[in-house]
Amino acid sequence: MKPIHRLAWCLLAVAGPAAAQSNVTVYGKVDLGLRKSLGADDVVLATSGDSRLGFRGVEDLGGGLQAFFGMEHRFLADTGQQDGSQFFKGYSHLGLQGSFGRFGMGRQYVAAFSLAQHPFDPFEGDTVAAVRDVAMRVGGITKVRVDSSLRYDITLSSVTVAASLGDSTTNGGEHRPVSLAARYRDSNLTLAAGFENPAGEKDKQWNLGAAYKLAGNTLSAGLARGTTNAGLSAQGWMLGLNAPVGPGDFKLAYGTQKVDGVTTAQKVGVGYHYPLSKRTLIYADAGHDSKRSSHKTGYDLGLRHEF
């Protein structure tokens, strides 16, 4: 079945329940603009982060027990093409949740990525200004998602703990990918720690992250340390700032990475995100990595709409 036919089938399958039940949500994001990537010479029409179309829902089973599902398609809005080989690249999971926590099965985000790697980059991993993949995911060690996985999350007061475990064969390694993470969050302070042991023999990584809200500004910092599957040490750290300026947000980040004692990336990101509404914004971001051999600076000027 062609991807467009699969998508049409999914829309038809979800449209009926969505009309009858308020617990099924159709959501997405479309992102396009002018981009000059770091390392590239040309300015092109491109996305700063995958556009997406997703479906998620919850059914009350009674007695405090709920079933949940979710699936998210990723695509490139400039061409309409599917991003990657997997139709539901974002995630595809099914599970149960209740007072015992949340248990999911399928293609899911790794626990350390969700709680300890992703949240501390002011740019959330999008645009040329992002530092998440430079400073918090070092040496090519970590995974964002794991196929054929089990994941358990539980939140007790201000603390969330998560663990994920994947199948070794499906994820192309010698061992099962394992990840553990914990996060403390209140109205002003967020603290997180994560550990990830992917599918290789030697690869592993630790993360620490912190964010603090002060007078409307959010200050963030992160640290990563690990070992590649080749046995090389890898480390990185970052600092970030998100500050309200006028009607929008000014964003600033710095991240650096070392592998085997050699600095492989040293990046500064800066940008301004201006909301036209609650769902639509214009962004202008720039990034500069002094360790690139050429074309060290890039920029984005784009429009993003979420629904």
C-alpha atoms as a PDB file:
ATOM      1  CA  MET A   1       0.000   0.000   0.000  1.00  0.00           C
ATOM      2  CA  LYS A   2       1.382   3.416  -0.945  1.00  0.00           C
ATOM      3  CA  PRO A   3       2.082   5.931   1.901  1.00  0.00           C
ATOM      4  CA  ILE A   4      -0.669   8.300   0.703  1.00  0.00           C
ATOM      5  CA  HIS A   5      -3.164   5.415   0.714  1.00  0.00           C
ATOM      6  CA  ARG A   6      -2.105   4.412   4.218  1.00  0.00           C
ATOM      7  CA  LEU A   7      -2.590   7.996   5.390  1.00  0.00           C
ATOM      8  CA  ALA A   8      -6.049   8.190   3.816  1.00  0.00           C
ATOM      9  CA  TRP A   9      -6.994   4.917   5.524  1.00  0.00           C
ATOM     10  CA  CYS A  10      -5.836   6.257   8.905  1.00  0.00           C
ATOM     11  CA  LEU A  11      -7.851   9.457   8.456  1.00  0.00           C
ATOM     12  CA  LEU A  12     -10.993   7.471   7.644  1.00  0.00           C
ATOM     13  CA  ALA A  13     -10.427   5.059  10.513  1.00  0.00           C
ATOM     14  CA  VAL A  14     -10.002   7.844  13.061  1.00  0.00           C
ATOM     15  CA  ALA A  15     -12.604  10.250  11.681  1.00  0.00           C
ATOM     16  CA  GLY A  16     -15.558   8.164  12.900  1.00  0.00           C
ATOM     17  CA  PRO A  17     -14.447   7.764  16.540  1.00  0.00           C
ATOM     18  CA  ALA A  18     -13.157  11.353  16.600  1.00  0.00           C
ATOM     19  CA  ALA A  19     -16.616  12.650  15.681  1.00  0.00           C
ATOM     20  CA  ALA A  20     -18.343  10.505  18.280  1.00  0.00           C
ATOM     21  CA  GLN A  21     -15.860  10.715  21.152  1.00  0.00           C
ATOM     22  CA  SER A  22     -14.035  13.701  22.557  1.00  0.00           C
ATOM     23  CA  ASN A  23     -11.128  11.535  23.753  1.00  0.00           C
ATOM     24  CA  VAL A  24      -9.545  11.177  20.269  1.00  0.00           C
ATOM     25  CA  THR A  25      -7.397  14.075  19.072  1.00  0.00           C
ATOM     26  CA  VAL A  26      -6.020  14.845  15.617  1.00  0.00           C
ATOM     27  CA  TYR A  27      -3.026  17.183  15.853  1.00  0.00           C
ATOM     28  CA  GLY A  28      -0.033  18.332  13.852  1.00  0.00           C
ATOM     29  CA  LYS A  29       2.510  20.912  12.820  1.00  0.00           C
ATOM     30  CA  VAL A  30       3.480  22.463   9.491  1.00  0.00           C
ATOM     31  CA  ASP A  31       6.828  24.279   9.368  1.00  0.00           C
ATOM     32  CA  LEU A  32       8.427  25.971   6.351  1.00  0.00           C
ATOM     33  CA  GLY A  33      10.852  28.791   5.649  1.00  0.00           C
ATOM     34  CA  LEU A  34      14.126  29.845   4.117  1.00  0.00           C
ATOM     35  CA  ARG A  35      17.130  27.972   5.472  1.00  0.00           C
ATOM     36  CA  LYS A  36      20.867  28.040   5.071  1.00  0.00           C
ATOM     37  CA  SER A  37      22.128  25.041   7.001  1.00  0.00           C
ATOM     38  CA  LEU A  38      25.490  24.946   8.753  1.00  0.00           C
ATOM     39  CA  GLY A  39      27.892  23.280   6.362  1.00  0.00           C
ATOM     40  CA  ALA A  40      25.791  24.234   3.338  1.00  0.00           C
ATOM     41  CA  ASP A  41      26.317  26.908   0.692  1.00  0.00           C
ATOM     42  CA  ASP A  42      22.790  27.429  -0.632  1.00  0.00           C
ATOM     43  CA  VAL A  43      19.629  28.989   0.782  1.00  0.00           C
ATOM     44  CA  VAL A  44      16.663  26.659   0.260  1.00  0.00           C
ATOM     45  CA  LEU A  45      12.994  26.355   1.159  1.00  0.00           C
ATOM     46  CA  ALA A  46      12.985  23.799   3.962  1.00  0.00           C
ATOM     47  CA  THR A  47      11.681  22.878   7.397  1.00  0.00           C
ATOM     48  CA  SER A  48      13.382  23.682  10.686  1.00  0.00           C
ATOM     49  CA  GLY A  49      11.809  20.592  12.232  1.00  0.00           C
ATOM     50  CA  ASP A  50       9.729  17.800  10.740  1.00  0.00           C
ATOM     51  CA  SER A  51       6.135  18.651   9.935  1.00  0.00           C
ATOM     52  CA  ARG A  52       3.797  16.062  11.407  1.00  0.00           C
ATOM     53  CA  LEU A  53       0.293  14.654  11.559  1.00  0.00           C
ATOM     54  CA  GLY A  54      -0.716  12.643  14.586  1.00  0.00           C
ATOM     55  CA  PHE A  55      -3.576  10.844  16.292  1.00  0.00           C
ATOM     56  CA  ARG A  56      -3.857  10.162  20.016  1.00  0.00           C
ATOM     57  CA  GLY A  57      -6.649   9.063  22.274  1.00  0.00           C
ATOM     58  CA  VAL A  58      -7.678   7.768  25.681  1.00  0.00           C
ATOM     59  CA  GLU A  59     -10.564   5.466  26.629  1.00  0.00           C
ATOM     60  CA  ASP A  60     -11.871   5.238  30.185  1.00  0.00           C
ATOM     61  CA  LEU A  61     -12.128   1.545  31.112  1.00  0.00           C
ATOM     62  CA  GLY A  62     -13.536   2.189  34.561  1.00  0.00           C
ATOM     63  CA  GLY A  63     -12.047   1.808  38.012  1.00  0.00           C
ATOM     64  CA  GLY A  64      -9.408   4.433  37.283  1.00  0.00           C
ATOM     65  CA  LEU A  65      -7.955   2.427  34.379  1.00  0.00           C
ATOM     66  CA  GLN A  66      -7.521   3.949  30.907  1.00  0.00           C
ATOM     67  CA  ALA A  67      -6.312   2.657  27.559  1.00  0.00           C
ATOM     68  CA  PHE A  68      -4.271   5.046  25.410  1.00  0.00           C
ATOM     69  CA  PHE A  69      -2.841   5.024  21.914  1.00  0.00           C
ATOM     70  CA  GLY A  70      -0.825   7.377  19.727  1.00  0.00           C
ATOM     71  CA  MET A  71       0.756   7.443  16.270  1.00  0.00           C
ATOM     72  CA  GLU A  72       2.585  10.276  14.529  1.00  0.00           C
ATOM     73  CA  HIS A  73       3.503  10.611  10.847  1.00  0.00           C
ATOM     74  CA  ARG A  74       6.442  12.850   9.863  1.00  0.00           C
ATOM     75  CA  PHE A  75       6.733  14.577   6.475  1.00  0.00           C
ATOM     76  CA  LEU A  76       8.609  17.334   4.640  1.00  0.00           C
ATOM     77  CA  ALA A  77       6.188  20.167   3.916  1.00  0.00           C
ATOM     78  CA  ASP A  78       8.275  21.621   1.080  1.00  0.00           C
ATOM     79  CA  THR A  79       7.837  18.466  -1.050  1.00  0.00           C
ATOM     80  CA  GLY A  80       5.056  16.567   0.721  1.00  0.00           C
ATOM     81  CA  GLN A  81       7.313  13.535   0.935  1.00  0.00           C
ATOM     82  CA  GLN A  82       7.404  11.163   3.879  1.00  0.00           C
ATOM     83  CA  ASP A  83      10.428  11.733   6.120  1.00  0.00           C
ATOM     84  CA  GLY A  84      12.351   8.469   6.351  1.00  0.00           C
ATOM     85  CA  SER A  85      11.309   4.903   5.710  1.00  0.00           C
ATOM     86  CA  GLN A  86       8.874   4.553   8.629  1.00  0.00           C
ATOM     87  CA  PHE A  87       5.375   5.885   8.020  1.00  0.00           C
ATOM     88  CA  PHE A  88       4.760   6.563  11.720  1.00  0.00           C
ATOM     89  CA  LYS A  89       8.293   7.808  12.351  1.00  0.00           C
ATOM     90  CA  GLY A  90       7.327   9.992  15.319  1.00  0.00           C
ATOM     91  CA  TYR A  91       5.940   7.161  17.416  1.00  0.00           C
ATOM     92  CA  SER A  92       3.313   4.414  17.411  1.00  0.00           C
ATOM     93  CA  HIS A  93       2.320   3.044  20.785  1.00  0.00           C
ATOM     94  CA  LEU A  94      -0.491   1.479  22.770  1.00  0.00           C
ATOM     95  CA  GLY A  95      -0.837   1.009  26.498  1.00  0.00           C
ATOM     96  CA  LEU A  96      -2.624   1.289  29.817  1.00  0.00           C
ATOM     97  CA  GLN A  97      -2.473   3.984  32.500  1.00  0.00           C
ATOM     98  CA  GLY A  98      -3.894   4.554  35.937  1.00  0.00           C
ATOM     99  CA  SER A  99      -2.873   5.108  39.548  1.00  0.00           C
ATOM    100  CA  PHE A 100      -0.020   2.621  38.964  1.00  0.00           C
ATOM    101  CA  GLY A 101       1.510   4.875  36.292  1.00  0.00           C
ATOM    102  CA  ARG A 102       1.675   4.575  32.513  1.00  0.00           C
ATOM    103  CA  PHE A 103       2.786   1.486  30.579  1.00  0.00           C
ATOM    104  CA  GLY A 104       3.269   1.673  26.802  1.00  0.00           C
ATOM    105  CA  MET A 105       4.346  -0.702  24.024  1.00  0.00           C
ATOM    106  CA  GLY A 106       5.619   0.000  20.503  1.00  0.00           C
ATOM    107  CA  ARG A 107       7.834   2.609  18.854  1.00  0.00           C
ATOM    108  CA  GLN A 108       8.452   5.078  21.673  1.00  0.00           C
ATOM    109  CA  TYR A 109      10.762   7.845  22.831  1.00  0.00           C
ATOM    110  CA  VAL A 110      13.702   6.780  24.979  1.00  0.00           C
ATOM    111  CA  ALA A 111      13.225   7.709  28.658  1.00  0.00           C
ATOM    112  CA  ALA A 112      16.458   9.744  28.910  1.00  0.00           C
ATOM    113  CA  PHE A 113      15.654  11.692  25.748  1.00  0.00           C
ATOM    114  CA  SER A 114      12.191  12.714  26.971  1.00  0.00           C
ATOM    115  CA  LEU A 115      13.155  13.784  30.478  1.00  0.00           C
ATOM    116  CA  ALA A 116      16.874  14.653  30.497  1.00  0.00           C
ATOM    117  CA  GLN A 117      18.134  15.470  26.980  1.00  0.00           C
ATOM    118  CA  HIS A 118      15.426  17.260  25.004  1.00  0.00           C
ATOM    119  CA  PRO A 119      13.748  19.706  27.463  1.00  0.00           C
ATOM    120  CA  PHE A 120      16.723  21.978  28.216  1.00  0.00           C
ATOM    121  CA  ASP A 121      17.505  23.320  24.733  1.00  0.00           C
ATOM    122  CA  PRO A 122      15.636  26.660  24.290  1.00  0.00           C
ATOM    123  CA  PHE A 123      15.154  25.734  20.604  1.00  0.00           C
ATOM    124  CA  GLU A 124      13.803  22.243  21.441  1.00  0.00           C
ATOM    125  CA  GLY A 125      16.109  20.653  18.887  1.00  0.00           C
ATOM    126  CA  ASP A 126      14.643  22.646  15.954  1.00  0.00           C
ATOM    127  CA  THR A 127      16.258  25.212  13.590  1.00  0.00           C
ATOM    128  CA  VAL A 128      19.951  25.795  12.891  1.00  0.00           C
ATOM    129  CA  ALA A 129      20.306  27.375  16.355  1.00  0.00           C
ATOM    130  CA  ALA A 130      19.564  24.184  18.311  1.00  0.00           C
ATOM    131  CA  VAL A 131      22.261  22.801  20.627  1.00  0.00           C
ATOM    132  CA  ARG A 132      20.507  19.666  21.915  1.00  0.00           C
ATOM    133  CA  ASP A 133      22.208  17.261  19.518  1.00  0.00           C
ATOM    134  CA  VAL A 134      25.581  18.969  20.002  1.00  0.00           C
ATOM    135  CA  ALA A 135      25.734  19.062  23.787  1.00  0.00           C
ATOM    136  CA  MET A 136      23.182  16.593  25.177  1.00  0.00           C
ATOM    137  CA  ARG A 137      23.505  13.702  22.685  1.00  0.00           C
ATOM    138  CA  VAL A 138      27.254  13.283  22.243  1.00  0.00           C
ATOM    139  CA  GLY A 139      29.448  11.028  20.151  1.00  0.00           C
ATOM    140  CA  GLY A 140      26.581   9.504  18.190  1.00  0.00           C
ATOM    141  CA  ILE A 141      25.789   7.341  21.226  1.00  0.00           C
ATOM    142  CA  THR A 142      22.140   7.947  21.955  1.00  0.00           C
ATOM    143  CA  LYS A 143      18.813   7.119  20.334  1.00  0.00           C
ATOM    144  CA  VAL A 144      15.721   9.326  20.171  1.00  0.00           C
ATOM    145  CA  ARG A 145      13.231   6.483  19.782  1.00  0.00           C
ATOM    146  CA  VAL A 146      13.372   2.719  20.096  1.00  0.00           C
ATOM    147  CA  ASP A 147      11.275   0.233  18.116  1.00  0.00           C
ATOM    148  CA  SER A 148       9.522  -2.762  19.689  1.00  0.00           C
ATOM    149  CA  SER A 149       9.940  -1.240  23.132  1.00  0.00           C
ATOM    150  CA  LEU A 150       8.319  -1.238  26.547  1.00  0.00           C
ATOM    151  CA  ARG A 151       8.171   1.987  28.564  1.00  0.00           C
ATOM    152  CA  TYR A 152       6.921   2.692  32.078  1.00  0.00           C
ATOM    153  CA  ASP A 153       6.385   6.171  33.599  1.00  0.00           C
ATOM    154  CA  ILE A 154       5.082   7.139  37.007  1.00  0.00           C
ATOM    155  CA  THR A 155       4.644  10.578  38.565  1.00  0.00           C
ATOM    156  CA  LEU A 156       4.522  11.006  42.339  1.00  0.00           C
ATOM    157  CA  SER A 157       3.916  14.597  43.375  1.00  0.00           C
ATOM    158  CA  SER A 158       6.680  16.624  41.637  1.00  0.00           C
ATOM    159  CA  VAL A 159       8.844  13.652  40.612  1.00  0.00           C
ATOM    160  CA  THR A 160       8.538  11.607  37.405  1.00  0.00           C
ATOM    161  CA  VAL A 161      10.498   8.389  36.884  1.00  0.00           C
ATOM    162  CA  ALA A 162      10.660   6.550  33.549  1.00  0.00           C
ATOM    163  CA  ALA A 163      12.280   3.402  32.178  1.00  0.00           C
ATOM    164  CA  SER A 164      12.372   2.055  28.614  1.00  0.00           C
ATOM    165  CA  LEU A 165      13.551  -1.284  27.211  1.00  0.00           C
ATOM    166  CA  GLY A 166      13.778  -2.246  23.543  1.00  0.00           C
ATOM    167  CA  ASP A 167      14.274  -5.402  21.514  1.00  0.00           C
ATOM    168  CA  SER A 168      17.902  -5.974  20.502  1.00  0.00           C
ATOM    169  CA  THR A 169      17.277  -7.532  17.076  1.00  0.00           C
ATOM    170  CA  THR A 170      14.822  -4.856  15.914  1.00  0.00           C
ATOM    171  CA  ASN A 171      17.157  -2.040  16.971  1.00  0.00           C
ATOM    172  CA  GLY A 172      20.267  -3.492  15.343  1.00  0.00           C
ATOM    173  CA  GLY A 173      22.544  -4.144  18.302  1.00  0.00           C
ATOM    174  CA  GLU A 174      24.081  -6.834  20.448  1.00  0.00           C
ATOM    175  CA  HIS A 175      22.027  -5.946  23.518  1.00  0.00           C
ATOM    176  CA  ARG A 176      18.633  -4.576  24.437  1.00  0.00           C
ATOM    177  CA  PRO A 177      18.624  -0.739  24.518  1.00  0.00           C
ATOM    178  CA  VAL A 178      17.879   0.362  28.089  1.00  0.00           C
ATOM    179  CA  SER A 179      17.215   3.834  29.455  1.00  0.00           C
ATOM    180  CA  LEU A 180      16.333   5.237  32.895  1.00  0.00           C
ATOM    181  CA  ALA A 181      15.445   8.822  33.773  1.00  0.00           C
ATOM    182  CA  ALA A 182      14.065  10.905  36.629  1.00  0.00           C
ATOM    183  CA  ARG A 183      12.788  14.482  36.736  1.00  0.00           C
ATOM    184  CA  TYR A 184      11.783  16.863  39.512  1.00  0.00           C
ATOM    185  CA  ARG A 185       9.621  19.800  38.446  1.00  0.00           C
ATOM    186  CA  ASP A 186       7.758  22.535  40.296  1.00  0.00           C
ATOM    187  CA  SER A 187       6.530  25.960  39.174  1.00  0.00           C
ATOM    188  CA  ASN A 188      10.043  27.417  38.857  1.00  0.00           C
ATOM    189  CA  LEU A 189      12.638  24.639  38.993  1.00  0.00           C
ATOM    190  CA  THR A 190      13.274  21.561  36.858  1.00  0.00           C
ATOM    191  CA  LEU A 191      16.013  19.020  37.606  1.00  0.00           C
ATOM    192  CA  ALA A 192      16.586  15.850  35.584  1.00  0.00           C
ATOM    193  CA  ALA A 193      18.993  12.937  35.267  1.00  0.00           C
ATOM    194  CA  GLY A 194      19.109  10.193  32.668  1.00  0.00           C
ATOM    195  CA  PHE A 195      21.071   7.097  31.733  1.00  0.00           C
ATOM    196  CA  GLU A 196      21.057   5.347  28.375  1.00  0.00           C
ATOM    197  CA  ASN A 197      22.696   2.093  27.311  1.00  0.00           C
ATOM    198  CA  PRO A 198      21.936   1.611  23.594  1.00  0.00           C
ATOM    199  CA  ALA A 199      22.229  -1.675  21.742  1.00  0.00           C
ATOM    200  CA  GLY A 200      26.046  -1.802  21.387  1.00  0.00           C
ATOM    201  CA  GLU A 201      28.696  -3.493  23.522  1.00  0.00           C
ATOM    202  CA  LYS A 202      30.382  -0.388  24.982  1.00  0.00           C
ATOM    203  CA  ASP A 203      28.112   2.597  24.280  1.00  0.00           C
ATOM    204  CA  LYS A 204      26.448   4.392  27.185  1.00  0.00           C
ATOM    205  CA  GLN A 205      25.666   7.963  28.251  1.00  0.00           C
ATOM    206  CA  TRP A 206      24.658   9.928  31.369  1.00  0.00           C
ATOM    207  CA  ASN A 207      22.814  13.261  31.356  1.00  0.00           C
ATOM    208  CA  LEU A 208      22.067  15.962  33.884  1.00  0.00           C
ATOM    209  CA  GLY A 209      19.821  18.950  33.204  1.00  0.00           C
ATOM    210  CA  ALA A 210      18.437  21.942  35.089  1.00  0.00           C
ATOM    211  CA  ALA A 211      16.133  24.851  34.298  1.00  0.00           C
ATOM    212  CA  TYR A 212      15.012  27.757  36.477  1.00  0.00           C
ATOM    213  CA  LYS A 213      12.375  30.409  35.850  1.00  0.00           C
ATOM    214  CA  LEU A 214      13.310  33.857  37.138  1.00  0.00           C
ATOM    215  CA  ALA A 215      11.220  36.968  36.498  1.00  0.00           C
ATOM    216  CA  GLY A 216       9.706  35.425  33.392  1.00  0.00           C
ATOM    217  CA  ASN A 217      13.063  34.231  32.019  1.00  0.00           C
ATOM    218  CA  THR A 218      14.053  30.568  31.811  1.00  0.00           C
ATOM    219  CA  LEU A 219      17.710  29.719  32.398  1.00  0.00           C
ATOM    220  CA  SER A 220      18.821  26.195  31.506  1.00  0.00           C
ATOM    221  CA  ALA A 221      21.948  24.055  31.617  1.00  0.00           C
ATOM    222  CA  GLY A 222      22.835  20.513  30.658  1.00  0.00           C
ATOM    223  CA  LEU A 223      25.676  18.007  30.818  1.00  0.00           C
ATOM    224  CA  ALA A 224      26.380  14.767  28.964  1.00  0.00           C
ATOM    225  CA  ARG A 225      29.111  12.166  29.498  1.00  0.00           C
ATOM    226  CA  GLY A 226      29.471   8.829  27.826  1.00  0.00           C
ATOM    227  CA  THR A 227      31.463   6.217  25.940  1.00  0.00           C
ATOM    228  CA  THR A 228      31.048   5.396  22.261  1.00  0.00           C
ATOM    229  CA  ASN A 229      30.805   1.832  21.007  1.00  0.00           C
ATOM    230  CA  ALA A 230      34.432   2.220  19.856  1.00  0.00           C
ATOM    231  CA  GLY A 231      35.423   2.872  23.483  1.00  0.00           C
ATOM    232  CA  LEU A 232      36.059   6.616  23.062  1.00  0.00           C
ATOM    233  CA  SER A 233      35.053   9.074  25.774  1.00  0.00           C
ATOM    234  CA  ALA A 234      32.513  11.729  24.809  1.00  0.00           C
ATOM    235  CA  GLN A 235      31.205  14.705  26.730  1.00  0.00           C
ATOM    236  CA  GLY A 236      29.249  17.900  26.208  1.00  0.00           C
ATOM    237  CA  TRP A 237      27.600  20.741  28.051  1.00  0.00           C
ATOM    238  CA  MET A 238      25.208  23.568  27.269  1.00  0.00           C
ATOM    239  CA  LEU A 239      23.721  26.800  28.613  1.00  0.00           C
ATOM    240  CA  GLY A 240      20.431  28.289  27.467  1.00  0.00           C
ATOM    241  CA  LEU A 241      18.181  31.314  27.903  1.00  0.00           C
ATOM    242  CA  ASN A 242      14.571  31.942  26.913  1.00  0.00           C
ATOM    243  CA  ALA A 243      13.507  35.519  27.669  1.00  0.00           C
ATOM    244  CA  PRO A 244      10.266  37.334  26.830  1.00  0.00           C
ATOM    245  CA  VAL A 245      11.089  40.419  24.770  1.00  0.00           C
ATOM    246  CA  GLY A 246       8.129  42.428  23.547  1.00  0.00           C
ATOM    247  CA  PRO A 247       5.378  40.101  22.292  1.00  0.00           C
ATOM    248  CA  GLY A 248       7.818  37.275  21.512  1.00  0.00           C
ATOM    249  CA  ASP A 249      10.678  35.231  22.959  1.00  0.00           C
ATOM    250  CA  PHE A 250      14.394  35.840  22.611  1.00  0.00           C
ATOM    251  CA  LYS A 251      16.396  32.605  22.666  1.00  0.00           C
ATOM    252  CA  LEU A 252      20.107  32.106  23.228  1.00  0.00           C
ATOM    253  CA  ALA A 253      22.127  28.904  23.642  1.00  0.00           C
ATOM    254  CA  TYR A 254      25.713  27.693  23.746  1.00  0.00           C
ATOM    255  CA  GLY A 255      26.800  24.084  23.427  1.00  0.00           C
ATOM    256  CA  THR A 256      30.086  22.240  23.068  1.00  0.00           C
ATOM    257  CA  GLN A 257      31.149  18.620  22.531  1.00  0.00           C
ATOM    258  CA  LYS A 258      34.394  16.651  22.894  1.00  0.00           C
ATOM    259  CA  VAL A 259      35.148  13.147  21.626  1.00  0.00           C
ATOM    260  CA  ASP A 260      38.362  11.441  22.741  1.00  0.00           C
ATOM    261  CA  GLY A 261      39.560  14.787  24.153  1.00  0.00           C
ATOM    262  CA  VAL A 262      39.095  16.667  20.860  1.00  0.00           C
ATOM    263  CA  THR A 263      36.513  19.453  20.613  1.00  0.00           C
ATOM    264  CA  THR A 264      34.282  18.466  17.711  1.00  0.00           C
ATOM    265  CA  ALA A 265      31.604  21.155  18.076  1.00  0.00           C
ATOM    266  CA  GLN A 266      31.414  24.593  19.670  1.00  0.00           C
ATOM    267  CA  LYS A 267      28.112  26.199  18.787  1.00  0.00           C
ATOM    268  CA  VAL A 268      26.201  29.396  19.541  1.00  0.00           C
ATOM    269  CA  GLY A 269      22.516  29.716  18.666  1.00  0.00           C
ATOM    270  CA  VAL A 270      20.407  32.872  18.791  1.00  0.00           C
ATOM    271  CA  GLY A 271      16.871  33.626  17.671  1.00  0.00           C
ATOM    272  CA  TYR A 272      13.575  35.426  18.108  1.00  0.00           C
ATOM    273  CA  HIS A 273      10.160  33.724  17.929  1.00  0.00           C
ATOM    274  CA  TYR A 274       7.188  36.026  17.326  1.00  0.00           C
ATOM    275  CA  PRO A 275       3.657  34.601  17.827  1.00  0.00           C
ATOM    276  CA  LEU A 276       1.002  35.719  15.367  1.00  0.00           C
ATOM    277  CA  SER A 277      -1.562  33.722  17.368  1.00  0.00           C
ATOM    278  CA  LYS A 278      -1.623  30.902  19.909  1.00  0.00           C
ATOM    279  CA  ARG A 279      -0.873  28.413  17.126  1.00  0.00           C
ATOM    280  CA  THR A 280       1.150  30.339  14.530  1.00  0.00           C
ATOM    281  CA  LEU A 281       4.542  32.000  14.878  1.00  0.00           C
ATOM    282  CA  ILE A 282       7.341  33.497  12.821  1.00  0.00           C
ATOM    283  CA  TYR A 283      10.898  32.608  13.789  1.00  0.00           C
ATOM    284  CA  ALA A 284      14.305  33.996  12.867  1.00  0.00           C
ATOM    285  CA  ASP A 285      17.257  31.942  14.139  1.00  0.00           C
ATOM    286  CA  ALA A 286      20.979  31.763  13.470  1.00  0.00           C
ATOM    287  CA  GLY A 287      23.674  29.294  14.475  1.00  0.00           C
ATOM    288  CA  HIS A 288      27.477  29.381  14.356  1.00  0.00           C
ATOM    289  CA  ASP A 289      29.767  26.394  14.986  1.00  0.00           C
ATOM    290  CA  SER A 290      33.407  27.459  15.157  1.00  0.00           C
ATOM    291  CA  LYS A 291      34.645  23.865  14.768  1.00  0.00           C
ATOM    292  CA  ARG A 292      33.191  23.308  11.319  1.00  0.00           C
ATOM    293  CA  SER A 293      35.736  23.319   8.527  1.00  0.00           C
ATOM    294  CA  SER A 294      33.628  25.614   6.297  1.00  0.00           C
ATOM    295  CA  HIS A 295      30.231  27.336   6.136  1.00  0.00           C
ATOM    296  CA  LYS A 296      30.266  27.744   9.898  1.00  0.00           C
ATOM    297  CA  THR A 297      27.153  29.945  10.055  1.00  0.00           C
ATOM    298  CA  GLY A 298      23.551  29.178   9.131  1.00  0.00           C
ATOM    299  CA  TYR A 299      20.146  30.768   9.568  1.00  0.00           C
ATOM    300  CA  ASP A 300      16.389  30.135   9.373  1.00  0.00           C
ATOM    301  CA  LEU A 301      13.539  32.519   8.619  1.00  0.00           C
ATOM    302  CA  GLY A 302      10.287  30.596   8.791  1.00  0.00           C
ATOM    303  CA  LEU A 303       6.637  30.185   9.635  1.00  0.00           C
ATOM    304  CA  ARG A 304       5.215  27.474  11.919  1.00  0.00           C
ATOM    305  CA  HIS A 305       1.594  26.516  12.496  1.00  0.00           C
ATOM    306  CA  GLU A 306       0.394  23.945  15.022  1.00  0.00           C
ATOM    307  CA  PHE A 307      -3.083  22.458  15.199  1.00  0.00           C
END
